[in-house]
PDB file of N, CA and C in Angstrom:
ATOM      1  N   UNK A   1     -20.528 -40.634  25.651  1.00  0.00           N
ATOM      2  CA  UNK A   1     -21.090 -39.946  24.504  1.00  0.00           C
ATOM      3  C   UNK A   1     -19.967 -39.620  23.541  1.00  0.00           C
ATOM      4  N   UNK A   2     -20.179 -38.682  22.649  1.00  0.00           N
ATOM      5  CA  UNK A   2     -19.241 -38.444  21.584  1.00  0.00           C
ATOM      6  C   UNK A   2     -17.898 -37.873  22.001  1.00  0.00           C
ATOM      7  N   UNK A   3     -17.891 -36.937  22.943  1.00  0.00           N
ATOM      8  CA  UNK A   3     -16.626 -36.319  23.313  1.00  0.00           C
ATOM      9  C   UNK A   3     -16.478 -36.283  24.818  1.00  0.00           C
ATOM     10  N   UNK A   4     -15.265 -35.985  25.248  1.00  0.00           N
ATOM     11  CA  UNK A   4     -15.015 -35.893  26.685  1.00  0.00           C
ATOM     12  C   UNK A   4     -15.832 -34.760  27.293  1.00  0.00           C
ATOM     13  N   UNK A   5     -15.966 -33.663  26.567  1.00  0.00           N
ATOM     14  CA  UNK A   5     -16.741 -32.533  27.064  1.00  0.00           C
ATOM     15  C   UNK A   5     -18.186 -32.922  27.314  1.00  0.00           C
ATOM     16  N   UNK A   6     -18.811 -33.611  26.372  1.00  0.00           N
ATOM     17  CA  UNK A   6     -20.206 -33.995  26.571  1.00  0.00           C
ATOM     18  C   UNK A   6     -20.335 -35.050  27.668  1.00  0.00           C
ATOM     19  N   UNK A   7     -19.333 -35.898  27.839  1.00  0.00           N
ATOM     20  CA  UNK A   7     -19.372 -36.878  28.928  1.00  0.00           C
ATOM     21  C   UNK A   7     -19.267 -36.168  30.268  1.00  0.00           C
ATOM     22  N   UNK A   8     -18.398 -35.179  30.369  1.00  0.00           N
ATOM     23  CA  UNK A   8     -18.272 -34.391  31.598  1.00  0.00           C
ATOM     24  C   UNK A   8     -19.560 -33.626  31.864  1.00  0.00           C
ATOM     25  N   UNK A   9     -20.119 -33.068  30.824  1.00  0.00           N
ATOM     26  CA  UNK A   9     -21.367 -32.324  30.941  1.00  0.00           C
ATOM     27  C   UNK A   9     -22.478 -33.240  31.443  1.00  0.00           C
ATOM     28  N   UNK A  10     -22.558 -34.416  30.881  1.00  0.00           N
ATOM     29  CA  UNK A  10     -23.582 -35.378  31.286  1.00  0.00           C
ATOM     30  C   UNK A  10     -23.404 -35.769  32.753  1.00  0.00           C
ATOM     31  N   UNK A  11     -22.184 -36.014  33.156  1.00  0.00           N
ATOM     32  CA  UNK A  11     -21.917 -36.367  34.558  1.00  0.00           C
ATOM     33  C   UNK A  11     -22.331 -35.236  35.496  1.00  0.00           C
ATOM     34  N   UNK A  12     -22.031 -34.005  35.106  1.00  0.00           N
ATOM     35  CA  UNK A  12     -22.389 -32.854  35.938  1.00  0.00           C
ATOM     36  C   UNK A  12     -23.907 -32.709  36.026  1.00  0.00           C
ATOM     37  N   UNK A  13     -24.601 -32.921  34.921  1.00  0.00           N
ATOM     38  CA  UNK A  13     -26.066 -32.839  34.931  1.00  0.00           C
ATOM     39  C   UNK A  13     -26.662 -33.930  35.814  1.00  0.00           C
ATOM     40  N   UNK A  14     -26.114 -35.142  35.698  1.00  0.00           N
ATOM     41  CA  UNK A  14     -26.633 -36.265  36.483  1.00  0.00           C
ATOM     42  C   UNK A  14     -26.406 -36.075  37.984  1.00  0.00           C
ATOM     43  N   UNK A  15     -25.397 -35.295  38.336  1.00  0.00           N
ATOM     44  CA  UNK A  15     -25.102 -35.054  39.751  1.00  0.00           C
ATOM     45  C   UNK A  15     -26.131 -34.120  40.383  1.00  0.00           C
ATOM     46  N   UNK A  16     -26.903 -33.441  39.544  1.00  0.00           N
ATOM     47  CA  UNK A  16     -27.909 -32.500  40.051  1.00  0.00           C
ATOM     48  C   UNK A  16     -29.299 -33.090  39.849  1.00  0.00           C
ATOM     49  N   UNK A  17     -30.302 -32.365  40.281  1.00  0.00           N
ATOM     50  CA  UNK A  17     -31.673 -32.871  40.186  1.00  0.00           C
ATOM     51  C   UNK A  17     -32.528 -31.934  39.345  1.00  0.00           C
ATOM     52  N   UNK A  18     -33.803 -32.256  39.222  1.00  0.00           N
ATOM     53  CA  UNK A  18     -34.774 -31.381  38.562  1.00  0.00           C
ATOM     54  C   UNK A  18     -34.478 -31.158  37.093  1.00  0.00           C
ATOM     55  N   UNK A  19     -34.371 -29.888  36.743  1.00  0.00           N
ATOM     56  CA  UNK A  19     -34.166 -29.486  35.363  1.00  0.00           C
ATOM     57  C   UNK A  19     -32.883 -30.087  34.786  1.00  0.00           C
ATOM     58  N   UNK A  20     -31.859 -30.180  35.591  1.00  0.00           N
ATOM     59  CA  UNK A  20     -30.592 -30.762  35.128  1.00  0.00           C
ATOM     60  C   UNK A  20     -30.751 -32.251  34.806  1.00  0.00           C
ATOM     61  N   UNK A  21     -31.509 -32.961  35.640  1.00  0.00           N
ATOM     62  CA  UNK A  21     -31.745 -34.383  35.387  1.00  0.00           C
ATOM     63  C   UNK A  21     -32.539 -34.559  34.091  1.00  0.00           C
ATOM     64  N   UNK A  22     -33.492 -33.657  33.840  1.00  0.00           N
ATOM     65  CA  UNK A  22     -34.238 -33.715  32.572  1.00  0.00           C
ATOM     66  C   UNK A  22     -33.299 -33.514  31.384  1.00  0.00           C
ATOM     67  N   UNK A  23     -32.405 -32.545  31.502  1.00  0.00           N
ATOM     68  CA  UNK A  23     -31.466 -32.286  30.402  1.00  0.00           C
ATOM     69  C   UNK A  23     -30.544 -33.476  30.192  1.00  0.00           C
ATOM     70  N   UNK A  24     -30.130 -34.133  31.253  1.00  0.00           N
ATOM     71  CA  UNK A  24     -29.298 -35.336  31.114  1.00  0.00           C
ATOM     72  C   UNK A  24     -30.064 -36.413  30.360  1.00  0.00           C
ATOM     73  N   UNK A  25     -31.335 -36.590  30.699  1.00  0.00           N
ATOM     74  CA  UNK A  25     -32.182 -37.563  30.014  1.00  0.00           C
ATOM     75  C   UNK A  25     -32.305 -37.205  28.531  1.00  0.00           C
ATOM     76  N   UNK A  26     -32.461 -35.931  28.235  1.00  0.00           N
ATOM     77  CA  UNK A  26     -32.576 -35.467  26.845  1.00  0.00           C
ATOM     78  C   UNK A  26     -31.289 -35.772  26.080  1.00  0.00           C
ATOM     79  N   UNK A  27     -30.144 -35.520  26.701  1.00  0.00           N
ATOM     80  CA  UNK A  27     -28.864 -35.815  26.042  1.00  0.00           C
ATOM     81  C   UNK A  27     -28.711 -37.306  25.767  1.00  0.00           C
ATOM     82  N   UNK A  28     -29.050 -38.120  26.753  1.00  0.00           N
ATOM     83  CA  UNK A  28     -28.924 -39.571  26.564  1.00  0.00           C
ATOM     84  C   UNK A  28     -29.891 -40.062  25.482  1.00  0.00           C
ATOM     85  N   UNK A  29     -31.105 -39.534  25.474  1.00  0.00           N
ATOM     86  CA  UNK A  29     -32.087 -39.924  24.469  1.00  0.00           C
ATOM     87  C   UNK A  29     -31.614 -39.495  23.069  1.00  0.00           C
ATOM     88  N   UNK A  30     -31.058 -38.302  22.975  1.00  0.00           N
ATOM     89  CA  UNK A  30     -30.541 -37.819  21.687  1.00  0.00           C
ATOM     90  C   UNK A  30     -29.416 -38.722  21.194  1.00  0.00           C
ATOM     91  N   UNK A  31     -28.562 -39.132  22.110  1.00  0.00           N
ATOM     92  CA  UNK A  31     -27.461 -40.038  21.747  1.00  0.00           C
ATOM     93  C   UNK A  31     -28.012 -41.372  21.246  1.00  0.00           C
ATOM     94  N   UNK A  32     -29.023 -41.915  21.929  1.00  0.00           N
ATOM     95  CA  UNK A  32     -29.632 -43.180  21.484  1.00  0.00           C
ATOM     96  C   UNK A  32     -30.300 -43.004  20.116  1.00  0.00           C
ATOM     97  N   UNK A  33     -30.912 -41.856  19.892  1.00  0.00           N
ATOM     98  CA  UNK A  33     -31.526 -41.588  18.587  1.00  0.00           C
ATOM     99  C   UNK A  33     -30.473 -41.589  17.488  1.00  0.00           C
ATOM    100  N   UNK A  34     -29.348 -40.964  17.773  1.00  0.00           N
ATOM    101  CA  UNK A  34     -28.260 -40.909  16.797  1.00  0.00           C
ATOM    102  C   UNK A  34     -27.724 -42.304  16.497  1.00  0.00           C
ATOM    103  N   UNK A  35     -27.533 -43.100  17.530  1.00  0.00           N
ATOM    104  CA  UNK A  35     -27.072 -44.478  17.335  1.00  0.00           C
ATOM    105  C   UNK A  35     -28.092 -45.281  16.520  1.00  0.00           C
ATOM    106  N   UNK A  36     -29.366 -45.094  16.807  1.00  0.00           N
ATOM    107  CA  UNK A  36     -30.408 -45.800  16.058  1.00  0.00           C
ATOM    108  C   UNK A  36     -30.415 -45.354  14.595  1.00  0.00           C
ATOM    109  N   UNK A  37     -30.236 -44.073  14.352  1.00  0.00           N
ATOM    110  CA  UNK A  37     -30.187 -43.566  12.978  1.00  0.00           C
ATOM    111  C   UNK A  37     -28.985 -44.136  12.233  1.00  0.00           C
ATOM    112  N   UNK A  38     -27.860 -44.205  12.897  1.00  0.00           N
ATOM    113  CA  UNK A  38     -26.666 -44.800  12.273  1.00  0.00           C
ATOM    114  C   UNK A  38     -26.918 -46.251  11.882  1.00  0.00           C
ATOM    115  N   UNK A  39     -27.736 -46.943  12.687  1.00  0.00           N
ATOM    116  CA  UNK A  39     -28.060 -48.352  12.423  1.00  0.00           C
ATOM    117  C   UNK A  39     -29.251 -48.501  11.477  1.00  0.00           C
ATOM    118  N   UNK A  40     -29.858 -47.386  11.086  1.00  0.00           N
ATOM    119  CA  UNK A  40     -31.011 -47.443  10.183  1.00  0.00           C
ATOM    120  C   UNK A  40     -32.301 -47.852  10.877  1.00  0.00           C
ATOM    121  N   UNK A  41     -32.365 -47.742  12.180  1.00  0.00           N
ATOM    122  CA  UNK A  41     -33.567 -48.111  12.941  1.00  0.00           C
ATOM    123  C   UNK A  41     -34.447 -46.876  13.126  1.00  0.00           C
ATOM    124  N   UNK A  42     -35.179 -46.539  12.074  1.00  0.00           N
ATOM    125  CA  UNK A  42     -35.957 -45.300  12.049  1.00  0.00           C
ATOM    126  C   UNK A  42     -37.172 -45.351  12.962  1.00  0.00           C
ATOM    127  N   UNK A  43     -37.663 -46.540  13.289  1.00  0.00           N
ATOM    128  CA  UNK A  43     -38.780 -46.641  14.236  1.00  0.00           C
ATOM    129  C   UNK A  43     -38.342 -46.140  15.611  1.00  0.00           C
ATOM    130  N   UNK A  44     -37.154 -46.523  16.035  1.00  0.00           N
ATOM    131  CA  UNK A  44     -36.631 -46.067  17.330  1.00  0.00           C
ATOM    132  C   UNK A  44     -36.442 -44.558  17.318  1.00  0.00           C
ATOM    133  N   UNK A  45     -35.932 -44.029  16.222  1.00  0.00           N
ATOM    134  CA  UNK A  45     -35.718 -42.583  16.110  1.00  0.00           C
ATOM    135  C   UNK A  45     -37.055 -41.847  16.246  1.00  0.00           C
ATOM    136  N   UNK A  46     -38.063 -42.329  15.558  1.00  0.00           N
ATOM    137  CA  UNK A  46     -39.373 -41.672  15.585  1.00  0.00           C
ATOM    138  C   UNK A  46     -39.992 -41.693  16.974  1.00  0.00           C
ATOM    139  N   UNK A  47     -40.000 -42.850  17.604  1.00  0.00           N
ATOM    140  CA  UNK A  47     -40.582 -42.971  18.945  1.00  0.00           C
ATOM    141  C   UNK A  47     -39.790 -42.124  19.936  1.00  0.00           C
ATOM    142  N   UNK A  48     -38.476 -42.158  19.840  1.00  0.00           N
ATOM    143  CA  UNK A  48     -37.629 -41.393  20.757  1.00  0.00           C
ATOM    144  C   UNK A  48     -37.811 -39.894  20.574  1.00  0.00           C
ATOM    145  N   UNK A  49     -38.011 -39.456  19.346  1.00  0.00           N
ATOM    146  CA  UNK A  49     -38.186 -38.027  19.094  1.00  0.00           C
ATOM    147  C   UNK A  49     -39.448 -37.504  19.770  1.00  0.00           C
ATOM    148  N   UNK A  50     -40.510 -38.278  19.745  1.00  0.00           N
ATOM    149  CA  UNK A  50     -41.745 -37.856  20.410  1.00  0.00           C
ATOM    150  C   UNK A  50     -41.507 -37.655  21.904  1.00  0.00           C
ATOM    151  N   UNK A  51     -40.842 -38.599  22.536  1.00  0.00           N
ATOM    152  CA  UNK A  51     -40.565 -38.501  23.970  1.00  0.00           C
ATOM    153  C   UNK A  51     -39.584 -37.372  24.248  1.00  0.00           C
ATOM    154  N   UNK A  52     -38.579 -37.226  23.395  1.00  0.00           N
ATOM    155  CA  UNK A  52     -37.587 -36.167  23.592  1.00  0.00           C
ATOM    156  C   UNK A  52     -38.234 -34.792  23.499  1.00  0.00           C
ATOM    157  N   UNK A  53     -39.149 -34.616  22.561  1.00  0.00           N
ATOM    158  CA  UNK A  53     -39.853 -33.336  22.434  1.00  0.00           C
ATOM    159  C   UNK A  53     -40.630 -33.014  23.700  1.00  0.00           C
ATOM    160  N   UNK A  54     -41.266 -34.031  24.258  1.00  0.00           N
ATOM    161  CA  UNK A  54     -42.010 -33.845  25.502  1.00  0.00           C
ATOM    162  C   UNK A  54     -41.056 -33.451  26.643  1.00  0.00           C
ATOM    163  N   UNK A  55     -39.928 -34.143  26.742  1.00  0.00           N
ATOM    164  CA  UNK A  55     -38.950 -33.831  27.780  1.00  0.00           C
ATOM    165  C   UNK A  55     -38.389 -32.409  27.623  1.00  0.00           C
ATOM    166  N   UNK A  56     -38.140 -32.004  26.380  1.00  0.00           N
ATOM    167  CA  UNK A  56     -37.652 -30.645  26.136  1.00  0.00           C
ATOM    168  C   UNK A  56     -38.671 -29.616  26.606  1.00  0.00           C
ATOM    169  N   UNK A  57     -39.944 -29.872  26.302  1.00  0.00           N
ATOM    170  CA  UNK A  57     -40.994 -28.967  26.766  1.00  0.00           C
ATOM    171  C   UNK A  57     -41.028 -28.889  28.280  1.00  0.00           C
ATOM    172  N   UNK A  58     -40.936 -30.039  28.933  1.00  0.00           N
ATOM    173  CA  UNK A  58     -40.941 -30.090  30.400  1.00  0.00           C
ATOM    174  C   UNK A  58     -39.709 -29.378  30.976  1.00  0.00           C
ATOM    175  N   UNK A  59     -38.580 -29.566  30.324  1.00  0.00           N
ATOM    176  CA  UNK A  59     -37.323 -29.021  30.819  1.00  0.00           C
ATOM    177  C   UNK A  59     -37.329 -27.490  30.807  1.00  0.00           C
ATOM    178  N   UNK A  60     -37.937 -26.905  29.799  1.00  0.00           N
ATOM    179  CA  UNK A  60     -37.866 -25.453  29.650  1.00  0.00           C
ATOM    180  C   UNK A  60     -39.153 -24.732  30.039  1.00  0.00           C
ATOM    181  N   UNK A  61     -39.979 -25.394  30.856  1.00  0.00           N
ATOM    182  CA  UNK A  61     -41.174 -24.737  31.404  1.00  0.00           C
ATOM    183  C   UNK A  61     -40.742 -23.583  32.304  1.00  0.00           C
ATOM    184  N   UNK A  62     -39.667 -23.808  33.041  1.00  0.00           N
ATOM    185  CA  UNK A  62     -39.140 -22.765  33.922  1.00  0.00           C
ATOM    186  C   UNK A  62     -37.797 -22.288  33.379  1.00  0.00           C
ATOM    187  N   UNK A  63     -37.454 -21.039  33.680  1.00  0.00           N
ATOM    188  CA  UNK A  63     -36.155 -20.534  33.222  1.00  0.00           C
ATOM    189  C   UNK A  63     -35.006 -21.330  33.847  1.00  0.00           C
ATOM    190  N   UNK A  64     -33.899 -21.353  33.144  1.00  0.00           N
ATOM    191  CA  UNK A  64     -32.702 -22.039  33.640  1.00  0.00           C
ATOM    192  C   UNK A  64     -32.118 -21.216  34.784  1.00  0.00           C
ATOM    193  N   UNK A  65     -31.799 -21.895  35.865  1.00  0.00           N
ATOM    194  CA  UNK A  65     -31.186 -21.215  37.009  1.00  0.00           C
ATOM    195  C   UNK A  65     -29.829 -20.657  36.589  1.00  0.00           C
ATOM    196  N   UNK A  66     -29.513 -19.436  36.999  1.00  0.00           N
ATOM    197  CA  UNK A  66     -28.219 -18.846  36.616  1.00  0.00           C
ATOM    198  C   UNK A  66     -27.032 -19.741  36.955  1.00  0.00           C
ATOM    199  N   UNK A  67     -27.120 -20.476  38.036  1.00  0.00           N
ATOM    200  CA  UNK A  67     -26.016 -21.367  38.427  1.00  0.00           C
ATOM    201  C   UNK A  67     -25.824 -22.508  37.427  1.00  0.00           C
ATOM    202  N   UNK A  68     -26.852 -22.805  36.641  1.00  0.00           N
ATOM    203  CA  UNK A  68     -26.792 -23.911  35.672  1.00  0.00           C
ATOM    204  C   UNK A  68     -26.604 -23.433  34.235  1.00  0.00           C
ATOM    205  N   UNK A  69     -26.503 -22.130  34.018  1.00  0.00           N
ATOM    206  CA  UNK A  69     -26.494 -21.609  32.646  1.00  0.00           C
ATOM    207  C   UNK A  69     -25.307 -22.108  31.826  1.00  0.00           C
ATOM    208  N   UNK A  70     -24.128 -22.153  32.410  1.00  0.00           N
ATOM    209  CA  UNK A  70     -22.956 -22.631  31.662  1.00  0.00           C
ATOM    210  C   UNK A  70     -23.088 -24.120  31.336  1.00  0.00           C
ATOM    211  N   UNK A  71     -23.554 -24.876  32.303  1.00  0.00           N
ATOM    212  CA  UNK A  71     -23.756 -26.315  32.109  1.00  0.00           C
ATOM    213  C   UNK A  71     -24.797 -26.572  31.020  1.00  0.00           C
ATOM    214  N   UNK A  72     -25.877 -25.803  31.028  1.00  0.00           N
ATOM    215  CA  UNK A  72     -26.915 -25.954  30.009  1.00  0.00           C
ATOM    216  C   UNK A  72     -26.401 -25.533  28.639  1.00  0.00           C
ATOM    217  N   UNK A  73     -25.559 -24.517  28.594  1.00  0.00           N
ATOM    218  CA  UNK A  73     -24.970 -24.110  27.316  1.00  0.00           C
ATOM    219  C   UNK A  73     -24.162 -25.252  26.710  1.00  0.00           C
ATOM    220  N   UNK A  74     -23.375 -25.922  27.534  1.00  0.00           N
ATOM    221  CA  UNK A  74     -22.583 -27.061  27.065  1.00  0.00           C
ATOM    222  C   UNK A  74     -23.504 -28.207  26.620  1.00  0.00           C
ATOM    223  N   UNK A  75     -24.545 -28.456  27.416  1.00  0.00           N
ATOM    224  CA  UNK A  75     -25.470 -29.539  27.092  1.00  0.00           C
ATOM    225  C   UNK A  75     -26.201 -29.255  25.779  1.00  0.00           C
ATOM    226  N   UNK A  76     -26.650 -28.029  25.609  1.00  0.00           N
ATOM    227  CA  UNK A  76     -27.357 -27.675  24.367  1.00  0.00           C
ATOM    228  C   UNK A  76     -26.427 -27.731  23.162  1.00  0.00           C
ATOM    229  N   UNK A  77     -25.175 -27.333  23.349  1.00  0.00           N
ATOM    230  CA  UNK A  77     -24.201 -27.420  22.248  1.00  0.00           C
ATOM    231  C   UNK A  77     -23.979 -28.875  21.851  1.00  0.00           C
ATOM    232  N   UNK A  78     -23.870 -29.760  22.842  1.00  0.00           N
ATOM    233  CA  UNK A  78     -23.695 -31.189  22.553  1.00  0.00           C
ATOM    234  C   UNK A  78     -24.920 -31.743  21.839  1.00  0.00           C
ATOM    235  N   UNK A  79     -26.113 -31.362  22.319  1.00  0.00           N
ATOM    236  CA  UNK A  79     -27.336 -31.848  21.695  1.00  0.00           C
ATOM    237  C   UNK A  79     -27.460 -31.340  20.257  1.00  0.00           C
ATOM    238  N   UNK A  80     -27.150 -30.076  20.038  1.00  0.00           N
ATOM    239  CA  UNK A  80     -27.226 -29.520  18.684  1.00  0.00           C
ATOM    240  C   UNK A  80     -26.244 -30.195  17.743  1.00  0.00           C
ATOM    241  N   UNK A  81     -25.059 -30.513  18.251  1.00  0.00           N
ATOM    242  CA  UNK A  81     -24.070 -31.229  17.433  1.00  0.00           C
ATOM    243  C   UNK A  81     -24.617 -32.598  17.017  1.00  0.00           C
ATOM    244  N   UNK A  82     -25.214 -33.315  17.985  1.00  0.00           N
ATOM    245  CA  UNK A  82     -25.804 -34.620  17.664  1.00  0.00           C
ATOM    246  C   UNK A  82     -26.984 -34.458  16.705  1.00  0.00           C
ATOM    247  N   UNK A  83     -27.772 -33.405  16.894  1.00  0.00           N
ATOM    248  CA  UNK A  83     -28.907 -33.155  16.005  1.00  0.00           C
ATOM    249  C   UNK A  83     -28.458 -32.915  14.569  1.00  0.00           C
ATOM    250  N   UNK A  84     -27.358 -32.185  14.404  1.00  0.00           N
ATOM    251  CA  UNK A  84     -26.836 -31.934  13.056  1.00  0.00           C
ATOM    252  C   UNK A  84     -26.500 -33.245  12.353  1.00  0.00           C
ATOM    253  N   UNK A  85     -25.838 -34.138  13.065  1.00  0.00           N
ATOM    254  CA  UNK A  85     -25.509 -35.433  12.472  1.00  0.00           C
ATOM    255  C   UNK A  85     -26.774 -36.242  12.205  1.00  0.00           C
ATOM    256  N   UNK A  86     -27.718 -36.174  13.115  1.00  0.00           N
ATOM    257  CA  UNK A  86     -28.986 -36.882  12.959  1.00  0.00           C
ATOM    258  C   UNK A  86     -29.736 -36.392  11.728  1.00  0.00           C
ATOM    259  N   UNK A  87     -29.796 -35.090  11.544  1.00  0.00           N
ATOM    260  CA  UNK A  87     -30.468 -34.514  10.369  1.00  0.00           C
ATOM    261  C   UNK A  87     -29.760 -34.947   9.084  1.00  0.00           C
ATOM    262  N   UNK A  88     -28.441 -34.971   9.108  1.00  0.00           N
ATOM    263  CA  UNK A  88     -27.690 -35.421   7.925  1.00  0.00           C
ATOM    264  C   UNK A  88     -28.002 -36.887   7.605  1.00  0.00           C
ATOM    265  N   UNK A  89     -28.107 -37.720   8.629  1.00  0.00           N
ATOM    266  CA  UNK A  89     -28.447 -39.132   8.408  1.00  0.00           C
ATOM    267  C   UNK A  89     -29.875 -39.288   7.887  1.00  0.00           C
ATOM    268  N   UNK A  90     -30.788 -38.484   8.405  1.00  0.00           N
ATOM    269  CA  UNK A  90     -32.176 -38.517   7.918  1.00  0.00           C
ATOM    270  C   UNK A  90     -32.211 -38.121   6.448  1.00  0.00           C
ATOM    271  N   UNK A  91     -31.487 -37.067   6.094  1.00  0.00           N
ATOM    272  CA  UNK A  91     -31.457 -36.609   4.703  1.00  0.00           C
ATOM    273  C   UNK A  91     -30.876 -37.689   3.789  1.00  0.00           C
ATOM    274  N   UNK A  92     -29.822 -38.335   4.230  1.00  0.00           N
ATOM    275  CA  UNK A  92     -29.199 -39.400   3.439  1.00  0.00           C
ATOM    276  C   UNK A  92     -30.177 -40.568   3.253  1.00  0.00           C
ATOM    277  N   UNK A  93     -30.876 -40.938   4.318  1.00  0.00           N
ATOM    278  CA  UNK A  93     -31.858 -42.027   4.228  1.00  0.00           C
ATOM    279  C   UNK A  93     -33.007 -41.642   3.307  1.00  0.00           C
ATOM    280  N   UNK A  94     -33.414 -40.408   3.378  1.00  0.00           N
ATOM    281  CA  UNK A  94     -34.498 -39.913   2.518  1.00  0.00           C
ATOM    282  C   UNK A  94     -34.092 -39.994   1.040  1.00  0.00           C
ATOM    283  N   UNK A  95     -32.862 -39.606   0.749  1.00  0.00           N
ATOM    284  CA  UNK A  95     -32.356 -39.696  -0.624  1.00  0.00           C
ATOM    285  C   UNK A  95     -32.310 -41.141  -1.095  1.00  0.00           C
ATOM    286  N   UNK A  96     -31.901 -42.042  -0.211  1.00  0.00           N
ATOM    287  CA  UNK A  96     -31.831 -43.465  -0.566  1.00  0.00           C
ATOM    288  C   UNK A  96     -33.218 -44.018  -0.841  1.00  0.00           C
ATOM    289  N   UNK A  97     -34.189 -43.639  -0.033  1.00  0.00           N
ATOM    290  CA  UNK A  97     -35.565 -44.089  -0.246  1.00  0.00           C
ATOM    291  C   UNK A  97     -36.063 -43.592  -1.599  1.00  0.00           C
ATOM    292  N   UNK A  98     -35.739 -42.356  -1.924  1.00  0.00           N
ATOM    293  CA  UNK A  98     -36.155 -41.794  -3.209  1.00  0.00           C
ATOM    294  C   UNK A  98     -35.526 -42.561  -4.369  1.00  0.00           C
ATOM    295  N   UNK A  99     -34.228 -42.868  -4.256  1.00  0.00           N
ATOM    296  CA  UNK A  99     -33.558 -43.642  -5.305  1.00  0.00           C
ATOM    297  C   UNK A  99     -34.180 -45.033  -5.442  1.00  0.00           C
ATOM    298  N   UNK A 100     -34.450 -45.668  -4.305  1.00  0.00           N
ATOM    299  CA  UNK A 100     -35.073 -46.995  -4.332  1.00  0.00           C
ATOM    300  C   UNK A 100     -36.456 -46.937  -4.961  1.00  0.00           C
ATOM    301  N   UNK A 101     -37.191 -45.882  -4.666  1.00  0.00           N
ATOM    302  CA  UNK A 101     -38.545 -45.732  -5.226  1.00  0.00           C
ATOM    303  C   UNK A 101     -38.477 -45.626  -6.754  1.00  0.00           C
ATOM    304  N   UNK A 102     -37.557 -44.803  -7.254  1.00  0.00           N
ATOM    305  CA  UNK A 102     -37.423 -44.656  -8.701  1.00  0.00           C
ATOM    306  C   UNK A 102     -37.009 -45.972  -9.356  1.00  0.00           C
ATOM    307  N   UNK A 103     -36.107 -46.683  -8.706  1.00  0.00           N
ATOM    308  CA  UNK A 103     -35.668 -47.977  -9.215  1.00  0.00           C
ATOM    309  C   UNK A 103     -36.837 -48.965  -9.235  1.00  0.00           C
ATOM    310  N   UNK A 104     -37.621 -48.962  -8.153  1.00  0.00           N
ATOM    311  CA  UNK A 104     -38.795 -49.842  -8.088  1.00  0.00           C
ATOM    312  C   UNK A 104     -39.804 -49.503  -9.185  1.00  0.00           C
ATOM    313  N   UNK A 105     -39.990 -48.224  -9.441  1.00  0.00           N
ATOM    314  CA  UNK A 105     -40.939 -47.809 -10.482  1.00  0.00           C
ATOM    315  C   UNK A 105     -40.481 -48.288 -11.863  1.00  0.00           C
ATOM    316  N   UNK A 106     -39.187 -48.214 -12.122  1.00  0.00           N
ATOM    317  CA  UNK A 106     -38.666 -48.714 -13.405  1.00  0.00           C
ATOM    318  C   UNK A 106     -38.890 -50.221 -13.505  1.00  0.00           C
ATOM    319  N   UNK A 107     -38.675 -50.933 -12.391  1.00  0.00           N
ATOM    320  CA  UNK A 107     -38.904 -52.382 -12.384  1.00  0.00           C
ATOM    321  C   UNK A 107     -40.358 -52.727 -12.635  1.00  0.00           C
ATOM    322  N   UNK A 108     -41.254 -51.979 -12.033  1.00  0.00           N
ATOM    323  CA  UNK A 108     -42.692 -52.217 -12.240  1.00  0.00           C
ATOM    324  C   UNK A 108     -43.058 -51.985 -13.698  1.00  0.00           C
ATOM    325  N   UNK A 109     -42.523 -50.944 -14.304  1.00  0.00           N
ATOM    326  CA  UNK A 109     -42.807 -50.661 -15.719  1.00  0.00           C
ATOM    327  C   UNK A 109     -42.267 -51.779 -16.601  1.00  0.00           C
ATOM    328  N   UNK A 110     -41.067 -52.259 -16.294  1.00  0.00           N
ATOM    329  CA  UNK A 110     -40.474 -53.331 -17.093  1.00  0.00           C
ATOM    330  C   UNK A 110     -41.308 -54.601 -16.987  1.00  0.00           C
ATOM    331  N   UNK A 111     -41.737 -54.940 -15.776  1.00  0.00           N
ATOM    332  CA  UNK A 111     -42.563 -56.129 -15.583  1.00  0.00           C
ATOM    333  C   UNK A 111     -43.905 -55.965 -16.287  1.00  0.00           C
ATOM    334  N   UNK A 112     -44.495 -54.786 -16.190  1.00  0.00           N
ATOM    335  CA  UNK A 112     -45.774 -54.541 -16.870  1.00  0.00           C
ATOM    336  C   UNK A 112     -45.619 -54.667 -18.372  1.00  0.00           C
ATOM    337  N   UNK A 113     -44.535 -54.112 -18.894  1.00  0.00           N
ATOM    338  CA  UNK A 113     -44.290 -54.219 -20.333  1.00  0.00           C
ATOM    339  C   UNK A 113     -44.112 -55.677 -20.733  1.00  0.00           C
ATOM    340  N   UNK A 114     -43.351 -56.432 -19.943  1.00  0.00           N
ATOM    341  CA  UNK A 114     -43.134 -57.840 -20.223  1.00  0.00           C
ATOM    342  C   UNK A 114     -44.462 -58.604 -20.235  1.00  0.00           C
ATOM    343  N   UNK A 115     -45.289 -58.324 -19.230  1.00  0.00           N
ATOM    344  CA  UNK A 115     -46.590 -58.992 -19.162  1.00  0.00           C
ATOM    345  C   UNK A 115     -47.474 -58.628 -20.346  1.00  0.00           C
ATOM    346  N   UNK A 116     -47.420 -57.360 -20.773  1.00  0.00           N
ATOM    347  CA  UNK A 116     -48.201 -56.926 -21.925  1.00  0.00           C
ATOM    348  C   UNK A 116     -47.733 -57.627 -23.191  1.00  0.00           C
ATOM    349  N   UNK A 117     -46.410 -57.733 -23.362  1.00  0.00           N
ATOM    350  CA  UNK A 117     -45.848 -58.362 -24.556  1.00  0.00           C
ATOM    351  C   UNK A 117     -46.136 -59.862 -24.558  1.00  0.00           C
ATOM    352  N   UNK A 118     -46.007 -60.513 -23.403  1.00  0.00           N
ATOM    353  CA  UNK A 118     -46.174 -61.956 -23.369  1.00  0.00           C
ATOM    354  C   UNK A 118     -47.644 -62.370 -23.457  1.00  0.00           C
ATOM    355  N   UNK A 119     -48.570 -61.465 -23.193  1.00  0.00           N
ATOM    356  CA  UNK A 119     -49.971 -61.842 -23.317  1.00  0.00           C
ATOM    357  C   UNK A 119     -50.503 -61.660 -24.714  1.00  0.00           C
ATOM    358  N   UNK A 120     -49.711 -61.078 -25.626  1.00  0.00           N
ATOM    359  CA  UNK A 120     -50.144 -60.905 -27.025  1.00  0.00           C
ATOM    360  C   UNK A 120     -50.097 -62.157 -27.832  1.00  0.00           C
TER     361      UNK A 120
END
């Protein structure tokens, strides 16, 4: 993953079962979502987010065991860091779509004007 800390955290989560295994899955899914967003594969991001939300709900149905609290704190910090980058990429893509839309609208107007002029 992104840093040595998150890699260590992931390894520690994978070494355990139950809630920890769910959190490891959530971290890996978040990482794949981030990679997909970097590549502009928004379909993967959307599908993965639905599954990740379900896993998060499943993971936090029960309270975190005190023995896992530090590990979960590290895992949540890593996930939030990836989420911040993911949100920034979504915002950037949204801005690009908006710019493309405005450009397309100008092109449509120009073509319509051309067609109007040439049909006279």
